[in-house]
């Protein structure tokens, strides 16, 4: 009788370990998938930027510095790795794009070029998808972190080396910076 109780307890503990391990793997894979979804949207944005720059540069002869900032920020974003570094570089790229869009408002001829308007709309749509993907990623990171931190899951997480994922967050100066405004030329 005592042996059956011991076997029962062993089976329960083993079942709990297996269930906890599998749920941690599930959450970890969900976070990785969400990161890949962000990566897909960022790649789409990175692919659209050269098209936008090449189309508008003929019209914006006096705005080379803004175009160069966009190109430079894109290059930095493409070469960055890791969640924190990527978030910082993508934030700089977003600011550069906002500056480009603000300056484009001063060129009425650009508003009549259909390809420019289509590219701008695609970029804005992609920005919205990126924002949604970031939010979804951060929600999954929060779920994983909670799963790892609660007792007794933290024991299993520690035994099998599950680590906390990083949040995709804005840099401090981005939170303090007011939104880009339209620049008016005399």
N, C-alpha and C. Protein backbone atom coordinates (compact mmCIF):
# COMPACT_ATOMS: atom_id res chain seq x y z
N UNK A 1 0.82 -1.19 0.00
CA UNK A 1 0.00 0.00 0.00
C UNK A 1 0.87 1.26 0.00
N UNK A 2 1.90 1.27 0.84
CA UNK A 2 2.79 2.42 0.93
C UNK A 2 3.54 2.62 -0.38
N UNK A 3 3.87 1.53 -1.04
CA UNK A 3 4.59 1.64 -2.31
C UNK A 3 3.72 2.30 -3.37
N UNK A 4 2.40 2.01 -3.34
CA UNK A 4 1.49 2.61 -4.32
C UNK A 4 1.33 4.11 -4.07
N UNK A 5 1.34 4.50 -2.84
CA UNK A 5 1.26 5.92 -2.52
C UNK A 5 2.53 6.63 -3.00
N UNK A 6 3.68 6.03 -2.78
CA UNK A 6 4.94 6.60 -3.22
C UNK A 6 4.99 6.68 -4.75
N UNK A 7 4.53 5.64 -5.43
CA UNK A 7 4.48 5.64 -6.89
C UNK A 7 3.52 6.71 -7.38
N UNK A 8 2.38 6.83 -6.72
CA UNK A 8 1.38 7.85 -7.09
C UNK A 8 1.96 9.26 -6.95
N UNK A 9 2.63 9.49 -5.82
CA UNK A 9 3.24 10.81 -5.60
C UNK A 9 4.31 11.07 -6.65
N UNK A 10 5.13 10.07 -6.94
CA UNK A 10 6.18 10.21 -7.96
C UNK A 10 5.57 10.54 -9.32
N UNK A 11 4.50 9.83 -9.69
CA UNK A 11 3.83 10.06 -10.98
C UNK A 11 3.25 11.47 -11.02
N UNK A 12 2.65 11.93 -9.94
CA UNK A 12 2.11 13.29 -9.89
C UNK A 12 3.20 14.34 -10.05
N UNK A 13 4.29 14.16 -9.35
CA UNK A 13 5.40 15.12 -9.44
C UNK A 13 5.99 15.11 -10.84
N UNK A 14 6.21 13.93 -11.39
CA UNK A 14 6.74 13.81 -12.74
C UNK A 14 5.79 14.44 -13.76
N UNK A 15 4.49 14.20 -13.60
CA UNK A 15 3.50 14.79 -14.50
C UNK A 15 3.52 16.32 -14.40
N UNK A 16 3.63 16.84 -13.17
CA UNK A 16 3.69 18.29 -12.99
C UNK A 16 4.94 18.86 -13.64
N UNK A 17 6.09 18.19 -13.49
CA UNK A 17 7.34 18.65 -14.10
C UNK A 17 7.20 18.68 -15.62
N UNK A 18 6.65 17.63 -16.19
CA UNK A 18 6.48 17.55 -17.64
C UNK A 18 5.52 18.64 -18.12
N UNK A 19 4.40 18.80 -17.44
CA UNK A 19 3.42 19.82 -17.82
C UNK A 19 4.04 21.22 -17.73
N UNK A 20 4.73 21.52 -16.66
CA UNK A 20 5.34 22.84 -16.48
C UNK A 20 6.40 23.08 -17.54
N UNK A 21 7.25 22.09 -17.77
CA UNK A 21 8.30 22.22 -18.79
C UNK A 21 7.68 22.50 -20.16
N UNK A 22 6.68 21.72 -20.52
CA UNK A 22 6.04 21.89 -21.83
C UNK A 22 5.37 23.26 -21.96
N UNK A 23 4.75 23.74 -20.89
CA UNK A 23 4.12 25.06 -20.98
C UNK A 23 5.17 26.16 -21.09
N UNK A 24 6.31 26.01 -20.43
CA UNK A 24 7.40 26.98 -20.57
C UNK A 24 7.94 26.98 -22.00
N UNK A 25 8.08 25.82 -22.59
CA UNK A 25 8.53 25.72 -23.99
C UNK A 25 7.52 26.39 -24.90
N UNK A 26 6.24 26.16 -24.64
CA UNK A 26 5.19 26.79 -25.44
C UNK A 26 5.30 28.31 -25.39
N UNK A 27 5.39 28.87 -24.19
CA UNK A 27 5.48 30.33 -24.05
C UNK A 27 6.77 30.87 -24.69
N UNK A 28 7.87 30.17 -24.52
CA UNK A 28 9.13 30.61 -25.12
C UNK A 28 9.02 30.64 -26.64
N UNK A 29 8.40 29.62 -27.22
CA UNK A 29 8.23 29.57 -28.67
C UNK A 29 7.26 30.64 -29.16
N UNK A 30 6.25 30.94 -28.38
CA UNK A 30 5.32 32.01 -28.75
C UNK A 30 6.03 33.36 -28.80
N UNK A 31 6.90 33.61 -27.83
CA UNK A 31 7.67 34.85 -27.81
C UNK A 31 8.59 34.91 -29.02
N UNK A 32 9.26 33.81 -29.32
CA UNK A 32 10.15 33.79 -30.49
C UNK A 32 9.38 34.01 -31.78
N UNK A 33 8.21 33.42 -31.89
CA UNK A 33 7.38 33.62 -33.07
C UNK A 33 6.94 35.08 -33.19
N UNK A 34 6.55 35.68 -32.08
CA UNK A 34 6.13 37.08 -32.10
C UNK A 34 7.30 37.97 -32.53
N UNK A 35 8.51 37.65 -32.07
CA UNK A 35 9.68 38.43 -32.49
C UNK A 35 9.90 38.30 -33.99
N UNK A 36 9.71 37.10 -34.53
CA UNK A 36 9.87 36.90 -35.97
C UNK A 36 8.82 37.69 -36.75
N UNK A 37 7.62 37.82 -36.17
CA UNK A 37 6.58 38.61 -36.84
C UNK A 37 6.97 40.09 -36.88
N UNK A 38 7.57 40.57 -35.80
CA UNK A 38 8.08 41.95 -35.81
C UNK A 38 9.16 42.08 -36.88
N UNK A 39 10.03 41.09 -36.94
CA UNK A 39 11.12 41.10 -37.90
C UNK A 39 10.60 41.16 -39.33
N UNK A 40 9.53 40.45 -39.62
CA UNK A 40 8.93 40.46 -40.96
C UNK A 40 8.44 41.87 -41.30
N UNK A 41 7.76 42.50 -40.35
CA UNK A 41 7.24 43.85 -40.59
C UNK A 41 8.39 44.87 -40.74
N UNK A 42 9.43 44.70 -39.92
CA UNK A 42 10.58 45.60 -40.03
C UNK A 42 11.27 45.44 -41.38
N UNK A 43 11.38 44.21 -41.85
CA UNK A 43 11.99 43.97 -43.16
C UNK A 43 11.16 44.63 -44.25
N UNK A 44 9.87 44.55 -44.13
CA UNK A 44 8.98 45.19 -45.11
C UNK A 44 9.25 46.70 -45.12
N UNK A 45 9.35 47.28 -43.93
CA UNK A 45 9.63 48.72 -43.85
C UNK A 45 10.99 49.03 -44.45
N UNK A 46 11.98 48.22 -44.14
CA UNK A 46 13.33 48.43 -44.66
C UNK A 46 13.36 48.33 -46.18
N UNK A 47 12.52 47.45 -46.73
CA UNK A 47 12.46 47.30 -48.18
C UNK A 47 11.76 48.49 -48.86
N UNK A 48 10.81 49.11 -48.17
CA UNK A 48 10.07 50.23 -48.75
C UNK A 48 10.87 51.54 -48.73
N UNK A 49 11.74 51.68 -47.76
CA UNK A 49 12.46 52.95 -47.58
C UNK A 49 13.31 53.34 -48.79
N UNK A 50 14.12 52.45 -49.35
CA UNK A 50 14.91 52.88 -50.52
C UNK A 50 14.04 53.34 -51.69
N UNK A 51 12.89 52.68 -51.86
CA UNK A 51 11.97 53.10 -52.92
C UNK A 51 11.48 54.52 -52.67
N UNK A 52 11.10 54.80 -51.43
CA UNK A 52 10.60 56.13 -51.08
C UNK A 52 11.69 57.18 -51.29
N UNK A 53 12.89 56.89 -50.81
CA UNK A 53 13.99 57.84 -50.94
C UNK A 53 14.30 58.11 -52.41
N UNK A 54 14.34 57.06 -53.22
CA UNK A 54 14.68 57.27 -54.63
C UNK A 54 13.59 58.05 -55.36
N UNK A 55 12.34 57.87 -55.00
CA UNK A 55 11.25 58.59 -55.67
C UNK A 55 11.24 60.06 -55.26
N UNK A 56 11.45 60.36 -53.98
CA UNK A 56 11.32 61.76 -53.53
C UNK A 56 12.59 62.57 -53.69
N UNK A 57 13.75 61.93 -53.87
CA UNK A 57 14.99 62.71 -53.88
C UNK A 57 15.06 63.67 -55.06
N UNK A 58 14.45 63.36 -56.17
CA UNK A 58 14.43 64.28 -57.30
C UNK A 58 13.63 65.53 -57.01
N UNK A 59 12.61 65.42 -56.18
CA UNK A 59 11.76 66.56 -55.85
C UNK A 59 12.31 67.37 -54.68
N UNK A 60 13.09 66.73 -53.85
CA UNK A 60 13.56 67.37 -52.62
C UNK A 60 15.06 67.65 -52.70
N UNK A 61 15.45 68.42 -53.68
CA UNK A 61 16.87 68.68 -53.92
C UNK A 61 17.56 69.34 -52.73
N UNK A 62 16.81 70.12 -51.94
CA UNK A 62 17.43 70.85 -50.84
C UNK A 62 17.31 70.11 -49.50
N UNK A 63 16.84 68.91 -49.55
CA UNK A 63 16.60 68.16 -48.31
C UNK A 63 17.49 66.92 -48.23
N UNK A 64 18.68 67.01 -48.76
CA UNK A 64 19.60 65.87 -48.76
C UNK A 64 19.90 65.35 -47.35
N UNK A 65 20.00 66.27 -46.38
CA UNK A 65 20.34 65.84 -45.02
C UNK A 65 19.26 64.94 -44.43
N UNK A 66 18.01 65.23 -44.72
CA UNK A 66 16.92 64.39 -44.20
C UNK A 66 16.96 63.03 -44.88
N UNK A 67 17.17 63.01 -46.17
CA UNK A 67 17.25 61.73 -46.89
C UNK A 67 18.44 60.91 -46.40
N UNK A 68 19.56 61.58 -46.15
CA UNK A 68 20.73 60.87 -45.64
C UNK A 68 20.49 60.32 -44.24
N UNK A 69 19.75 61.07 -43.41
CA UNK A 69 19.41 60.56 -42.07
C UNK A 69 18.57 59.31 -42.16
N UNK A 70 17.61 59.29 -43.07
CA UNK A 70 16.76 58.11 -43.25
C UNK A 70 17.60 56.92 -43.71
N UNK A 71 18.46 57.14 -44.68
CA UNK A 71 19.31 56.06 -45.20
C UNK A 71 20.25 55.55 -44.12
N UNK A 72 20.84 56.47 -43.37
CA UNK A 72 21.77 56.09 -42.30
C UNK A 72 21.04 55.31 -41.18
N UNK A 73 19.87 55.80 -40.81
CA UNK A 73 19.10 55.11 -39.76
C UNK A 73 18.67 53.72 -40.22
N UNK A 74 18.33 53.59 -41.49
CA UNK A 74 17.96 52.28 -42.04
C UNK A 74 19.15 51.33 -41.97
N UNK A 75 20.32 51.82 -42.35
CA UNK A 75 21.53 50.98 -42.32
C UNK A 75 21.84 50.53 -40.90
N UNK A 76 21.70 51.43 -39.94
CA UNK A 76 21.94 51.05 -38.54
C UNK A 76 20.93 50.01 -38.08
N UNK A 77 19.67 50.18 -38.47
CA UNK A 77 18.63 49.23 -38.07
C UNK A 77 18.89 47.86 -38.67
N UNK A 78 19.33 47.82 -39.91
CA UNK A 78 19.60 46.54 -40.55
C UNK A 78 20.77 45.80 -39.90
N UNK A 79 21.74 46.55 -39.38
CA UNK A 79 22.92 45.90 -38.81
C UNK A 79 22.78 45.62 -37.31
N UNK A 80 21.71 46.06 -36.70
CA UNK A 80 21.55 45.87 -35.25
C UNK A 80 21.08 44.44 -34.94
N UNK A 81 21.39 44.02 -33.72
CA UNK A 81 20.91 42.70 -33.28
C UNK A 81 20.55 42.79 -31.80
N UNK A 82 19.72 41.89 -31.36
CA UNK A 82 19.25 41.92 -29.99
C UNK A 82 18.05 42.83 -29.87
N UNK A 83 17.19 42.53 -28.93
CA UNK A 83 15.95 43.27 -28.79
C UNK A 83 16.21 44.74 -28.44
N UNK A 84 17.04 44.98 -27.45
CA UNK A 84 17.28 46.36 -26.99
C UNK A 84 17.94 47.21 -28.06
N UNK A 85 18.99 46.69 -28.69
CA UNK A 85 19.69 47.44 -29.73
C UNK A 85 18.78 47.66 -30.94
N UNK A 86 18.04 46.64 -31.29
CA UNK A 86 17.13 46.75 -32.43
C UNK A 86 16.05 47.79 -32.16
N UNK A 87 15.51 47.79 -30.95
CA UNK A 87 14.48 48.77 -30.60
C UNK A 87 15.02 50.19 -30.69
N UNK A 88 16.24 50.40 -30.22
CA UNK A 88 16.85 51.74 -30.27
C UNK A 88 17.05 52.20 -31.72
N UNK A 89 17.58 51.32 -32.55
CA UNK A 89 17.83 51.68 -33.95
C UNK A 89 16.53 51.89 -34.72
N UNK A 90 15.55 51.05 -34.46
CA UNK A 90 14.26 51.21 -35.14
C UNK A 90 13.56 52.49 -34.69
N UNK A 91 13.76 52.87 -33.46
CA UNK A 91 13.20 54.12 -32.96
C UNK A 91 13.82 55.31 -33.69
N UNK A 92 15.13 55.26 -33.92
CA UNK A 92 15.79 56.33 -34.67
C UNK A 92 15.30 56.36 -36.11
N UNK A 93 15.06 55.21 -36.69
CA UNK A 93 14.54 55.14 -38.05
C UNK A 93 13.14 55.73 -38.11
N UNK A 94 12.33 55.42 -37.12
CA UNK A 94 10.98 55.98 -37.07
C UNK A 94 11.03 57.50 -37.00
N UNK A 95 11.91 58.03 -36.18
CA UNK A 95 12.05 59.49 -36.07
C UNK A 95 12.51 60.09 -37.40
N UNK A 96 13.43 59.43 -38.07
CA UNK A 96 13.92 59.93 -39.36
C UNK A 96 12.79 59.92 -40.40
N UNK A 97 11.98 58.86 -40.39
CA UNK A 97 10.85 58.79 -41.32
C UNK A 97 9.82 59.87 -41.01
N UNK A 98 9.57 60.12 -39.74
CA UNK A 98 8.63 61.18 -39.37
C UNK A 98 9.14 62.53 -39.86
N UNK A 99 10.45 62.74 -39.76
CA UNK A 99 11.03 63.97 -40.28
C UNK A 99 10.86 64.07 -41.78
N UNK A 100 11.06 62.96 -42.48
CA UNK A 100 10.88 62.95 -43.94
C UNK A 100 9.44 63.26 -44.30
N UNK A 101 8.49 62.63 -43.62
CA UNK A 101 7.08 62.88 -43.91
C UNK A 101 6.71 64.33 -43.62
N UNK A 102 7.27 64.89 -42.55
CA UNK A 102 6.98 66.29 -42.22
C UNK A 102 7.49 67.22 -43.30
N UNK A 103 8.69 66.97 -43.81
CA UNK A 103 9.26 67.82 -44.86
C UNK A 103 8.50 67.62 -46.17
N UNK A 104 8.05 66.40 -46.43
CA UNK A 104 7.31 66.13 -47.66
C UNK A 104 6.04 66.97 -47.74
N UNK A 105 5.48 67.34 -46.60
CA UNK A 105 4.28 68.18 -46.59
C UNK A 105 4.54 69.53 -47.25
N UNK A 106 5.77 69.97 -47.26
CA UNK A 106 6.12 71.27 -47.85
C UNK A 106 6.30 71.22 -49.36
N UNK A 107 6.15 70.06 -49.93
CA UNK A 107 6.31 69.89 -51.37
C UNK A 107 4.98 69.43 -51.98
N UNK A 108 4.12 70.37 -52.35
CA UNK A 108 2.80 70.01 -52.88
C UNK A 108 2.87 69.11 -54.11
N UNK A 109 3.93 69.25 -54.90
CA UNK A 109 4.06 68.42 -56.09
C UNK A 109 4.16 66.94 -55.72
N UNK A 110 4.74 66.63 -54.56
CA UNK A 110 4.85 65.24 -54.13
C UNK A 110 3.48 64.63 -53.84
N UNK A 111 2.55 65.47 -53.39
CA UNK A 111 1.20 64.97 -53.09
C UNK A 111 0.47 64.56 -54.36
N UNK A 112 0.91 65.07 -55.51
CA UNK A 112 0.26 64.71 -56.76
C UNK A 112 0.92 63.52 -57.44
N UNK A 113 2.06 63.07 -56.93
CA UNK A 113 2.74 61.90 -57.51
C UNK A 113 2.16 60.65 -56.86
N UNK A 114 1.48 59.87 -57.67
CA UNK A 114 0.76 58.71 -57.14
C UNK A 114 1.69 57.70 -56.47
N UNK A 115 2.85 57.45 -57.04
CA UNK A 115 3.76 56.46 -56.45
C UNK A 115 4.25 56.90 -55.08
N UNK A 116 4.44 58.20 -54.88
CA UNK A 116 4.87 58.71 -53.58
C UNK A 116 3.76 58.49 -52.56
N UNK A 117 2.55 58.81 -52.94
CA UNK A 117 1.42 58.64 -52.02
C UNK A 117 1.20 57.17 -51.68
N UNK A 118 1.35 56.29 -52.67
CA UNK A 118 1.20 54.86 -52.41
C UNK A 118 2.29 54.36 -51.46
N UNK A 119 3.53 54.78 -51.70
CA UNK A 119 4.63 54.37 -50.82
C UNK A 119 4.44 54.91 -49.42
N UNK A 120 4.00 56.15 -49.32
CA UNK A 120 3.78 56.73 -48.00
C UNK A 120 2.67 55.98 -47.27
N UNK A 121 1.63 55.62 -47.97
CA UNK A 121 0.53 54.87 -47.35
C UNK A 121 0.99 53.47 -46.94
N UNK A 122 1.79 52.84 -47.78
CA UNK A 122 2.33 51.52 -47.41
C UNK A 122 3.22 51.60 -46.18
N UNK A 123 4.04 52.64 -46.13
CA UNK A 123 4.91 52.82 -44.95
C UNK A 123 4.08 53.06 -43.69
N UNK A 124 3.05 53.89 -43.80
CA UNK A 124 2.19 54.15 -42.64
C UNK A 124 1.47 52.88 -42.20
N UNK A 125 0.99 52.12 -43.16
CA UNK A 125 0.32 50.85 -42.84
C UNK A 125 1.29 49.88 -42.17
N UNK A 126 2.51 49.83 -42.68
CA UNK A 126 3.54 48.97 -42.10
C UNK A 126 3.88 49.42 -40.69
N UNK A 127 3.95 50.73 -40.47
CA UNK A 127 4.21 51.25 -39.12
C UNK A 127 3.13 50.79 -38.14
N UNK A 128 1.89 50.81 -38.58
CA UNK A 128 0.79 50.35 -37.72
C UNK A 128 0.92 48.86 -37.40
N UNK A 129 1.31 48.09 -38.40
CA UNK A 129 1.50 46.65 -38.17
C UNK A 129 2.66 46.40 -37.22
N UNK A 130 3.71 47.19 -37.35
CA UNK A 130 4.86 47.07 -36.45
C UNK A 130 4.43 47.39 -35.02
N UNK A 131 3.67 48.45 -34.86
CA UNK A 131 3.21 48.83 -33.51
C UNK A 131 2.36 47.72 -32.90
N UNK A 132 1.46 47.14 -33.69
CA UNK A 132 0.64 46.04 -33.18
C UNK A 132 1.50 44.84 -32.84
N UNK A 133 2.46 44.51 -33.70
CA UNK A 133 3.33 43.36 -33.45
C UNK A 133 4.17 43.56 -32.20
N UNK A 134 4.65 44.77 -31.98
CA UNK A 134 5.42 45.06 -30.76
C UNK A 134 4.56 44.87 -29.53
N UNK A 135 3.33 45.35 -29.58
CA UNK A 135 2.43 45.21 -28.44
C UNK A 135 2.15 43.73 -28.17
N UNK A 136 1.89 42.98 -29.22
CA UNK A 136 1.62 41.55 -29.07
C UNK A 136 2.84 40.84 -28.50
N UNK A 137 4.02 41.17 -29.00
CA UNK A 137 5.27 40.59 -28.50
C UNK A 137 5.42 40.87 -27.01
N UNK A 138 5.23 42.13 -26.62
CA UNK A 138 5.38 42.48 -25.21
C UNK A 138 4.35 41.77 -24.32
N UNK A 139 3.15 41.56 -24.84
CA UNK A 139 2.15 40.80 -24.08
C UNK A 139 2.63 39.36 -23.85
N UNK A 140 3.20 38.76 -24.88
CA UNK A 140 3.70 37.39 -24.75
C UNK A 140 4.92 37.33 -23.83
N UNK A 141 5.77 38.34 -23.88
CA UNK A 141 6.92 38.40 -22.97
C UNK A 141 6.42 38.47 -21.53
N UNK A 142 5.39 39.28 -21.30
CA UNK A 142 4.83 39.38 -19.95
C UNK A 142 4.29 38.03 -19.48
N UNK A 143 3.62 37.30 -20.37
CA UNK A 143 3.10 35.98 -20.02
C UNK A 143 4.23 35.01 -19.69
N UNK A 144 5.27 35.01 -20.50
CA UNK A 144 6.42 34.13 -20.26
C UNK A 144 7.08 34.47 -18.95
N UNK A 145 7.31 35.75 -18.72
CA UNK A 145 7.97 36.17 -17.47
C UNK A 145 7.15 35.76 -16.26
N UNK A 146 5.85 35.93 -16.34
CA UNK A 146 4.98 35.53 -15.22
C UNK A 146 5.07 34.03 -15.00
N UNK A 147 5.02 33.29 -16.08
CA UNK A 147 5.10 31.83 -15.99
C UNK A 147 6.42 31.39 -15.36
N UNK A 148 7.50 32.07 -15.71
CA UNK A 148 8.82 31.71 -15.17
C UNK A 148 8.97 32.12 -13.71
N UNK A 149 8.36 33.24 -13.33
CA UNK A 149 8.59 33.79 -12.00
C UNK A 149 7.72 33.19 -10.89
N UNK A 150 6.55 32.65 -11.24
CA UNK A 150 5.65 32.16 -10.19
C UNK A 150 6.18 30.85 -9.60
N UNK A 151 5.91 30.70 -8.32
CA UNK A 151 6.29 29.49 -7.62
C UNK A 151 5.21 28.45 -7.86
N UNK A 152 5.51 27.26 -8.11
CA UNK A 152 6.77 26.54 -8.17
C UNK A 152 7.38 26.44 -9.56
N UNK A 153 6.77 27.14 -10.54
CA UNK A 153 7.32 27.09 -11.91
C UNK A 153 8.75 27.60 -11.97
N UNK A 154 9.09 28.53 -11.07
CA UNK A 154 10.44 29.08 -11.08
C UNK A 154 11.50 28.01 -10.81
N UNK A 155 11.12 26.98 -10.10
CA UNK A 155 12.05 25.86 -9.84
C UNK A 155 12.36 25.13 -11.15
N UNK A 156 11.33 24.80 -11.90
CA UNK A 156 11.50 24.10 -13.18
C UNK A 156 12.23 25.00 -14.17
N UNK A 157 11.85 26.28 -14.21
CA UNK A 157 12.50 27.22 -15.13
C UNK A 157 13.99 27.31 -14.83
N UNK A 158 14.34 27.33 -13.55
CA UNK A 158 15.74 27.39 -13.16
C UNK A 158 16.49 26.12 -13.49
N UNK A 159 15.84 24.98 -13.26
CA UNK A 159 16.48 23.70 -13.54
C UNK A 159 16.78 23.51 -15.02
N UNK A 160 15.87 23.98 -15.86
CA UNK A 160 16.02 23.75 -17.30
C UNK A 160 16.54 24.99 -18.05
N UNK A 161 16.92 26.02 -17.33
CA UNK A 161 17.58 27.17 -17.94
C UNK A 161 16.68 28.10 -18.74
N UNK A 162 15.42 28.19 -18.38
CA UNK A 162 14.55 29.14 -19.07
C UNK A 162 14.84 30.54 -18.56
N UNK A 163 15.11 31.46 -19.48
CA UNK A 163 15.41 32.84 -19.11
C UNK A 163 14.28 33.76 -19.52
N UNK A 164 14.29 34.93 -18.92
CA UNK A 164 13.28 35.93 -19.24
C UNK A 164 13.61 36.57 -20.59
N UNK A 165 12.58 36.81 -21.35
CA UNK A 165 12.74 37.52 -22.62
C UNK A 165 12.72 39.01 -22.35
N UNK A 166 13.36 39.77 -23.25
CA UNK A 166 13.40 41.22 -23.12
C UNK A 166 12.16 41.84 -23.74
N UNK A 167 11.66 42.87 -23.08
CA UNK A 167 10.57 43.64 -23.66
C UNK A 167 11.11 44.49 -24.81
N UNK A 168 10.27 44.75 -25.77
CA UNK A 168 10.59 45.68 -26.84
C UNK A 168 10.08 47.03 -26.38
N UNK A 169 10.97 47.89 -25.93
CA UNK A 169 10.52 49.15 -25.35
C UNK A 169 11.20 50.33 -26.01
N UNK A 170 10.54 51.47 -25.89
CA UNK A 170 11.08 52.72 -26.45
C UNK A 170 12.19 53.23 -25.56
N UNK A 171 13.11 53.94 -26.18
CA UNK A 171 14.18 54.58 -25.43
C UNK A 171 13.58 55.72 -24.61
N UNK A 172 14.24 56.09 -23.54
CA UNK A 172 13.75 57.14 -22.65
C UNK A 172 13.51 58.46 -23.39
N UNK A 173 14.44 58.84 -24.28
CA UNK A 173 14.26 60.12 -24.97
C UNK A 173 13.10 60.08 -25.96
N UNK A 174 12.74 58.88 -26.46
CA UNK A 174 11.59 58.76 -27.35
C UNK A 174 10.28 58.99 -26.59
N UNK A 175 10.24 58.56 -25.33
CA UNK A 175 9.03 58.77 -24.54
C UNK A 175 8.85 60.24 -24.21
N UNK A 176 9.93 60.97 -24.11
CA UNK A 176 9.87 62.38 -23.75
C UNK A 176 9.71 63.29 -24.96
N UNK A 177 10.06 62.80 -26.14
CA UNK A 177 10.05 63.61 -27.36
C UNK A 177 8.62 63.82 -27.83
N UNK A 178 8.25 65.07 -28.16
CA UNK A 178 6.92 65.30 -28.72
C UNK A 178 6.85 64.72 -30.13
N UNK A 179 5.65 64.43 -30.61
CA UNK A 179 5.53 63.88 -31.96
C UNK A 179 6.03 64.87 -33.00
N UNK A 180 6.52 64.35 -34.13
CA UNK A 180 7.05 65.20 -35.19
C UNK A 180 5.97 66.12 -35.72
N UNK A 181 6.35 67.33 -36.03
CA UNK A 181 5.40 68.31 -36.54
C UNK A 181 5.82 68.72 -37.93
N UNK A 182 4.87 69.22 -38.67
CA UNK A 182 5.13 69.67 -40.03
C UNK A 182 6.02 70.91 -39.99
N UNK A 183 7.03 70.89 -40.84
CA UNK A 183 7.94 72.02 -40.94
C UNK A 183 7.43 72.93 -42.05
N UNK A 184 7.29 74.20 -41.77
CA UNK A 184 6.83 75.15 -42.77
C UNK A 184 8.00 75.94 -43.30
N UNK A 185 8.13 75.99 -44.62
CA UNK A 185 9.20 76.74 -45.25
C UNK A 185 8.67 78.10 -45.67
N UNK A 186 9.48 79.15 -45.51
CA UNK A 186 9.04 80.48 -45.95
C UNK A 186 8.94 80.57 -47.45
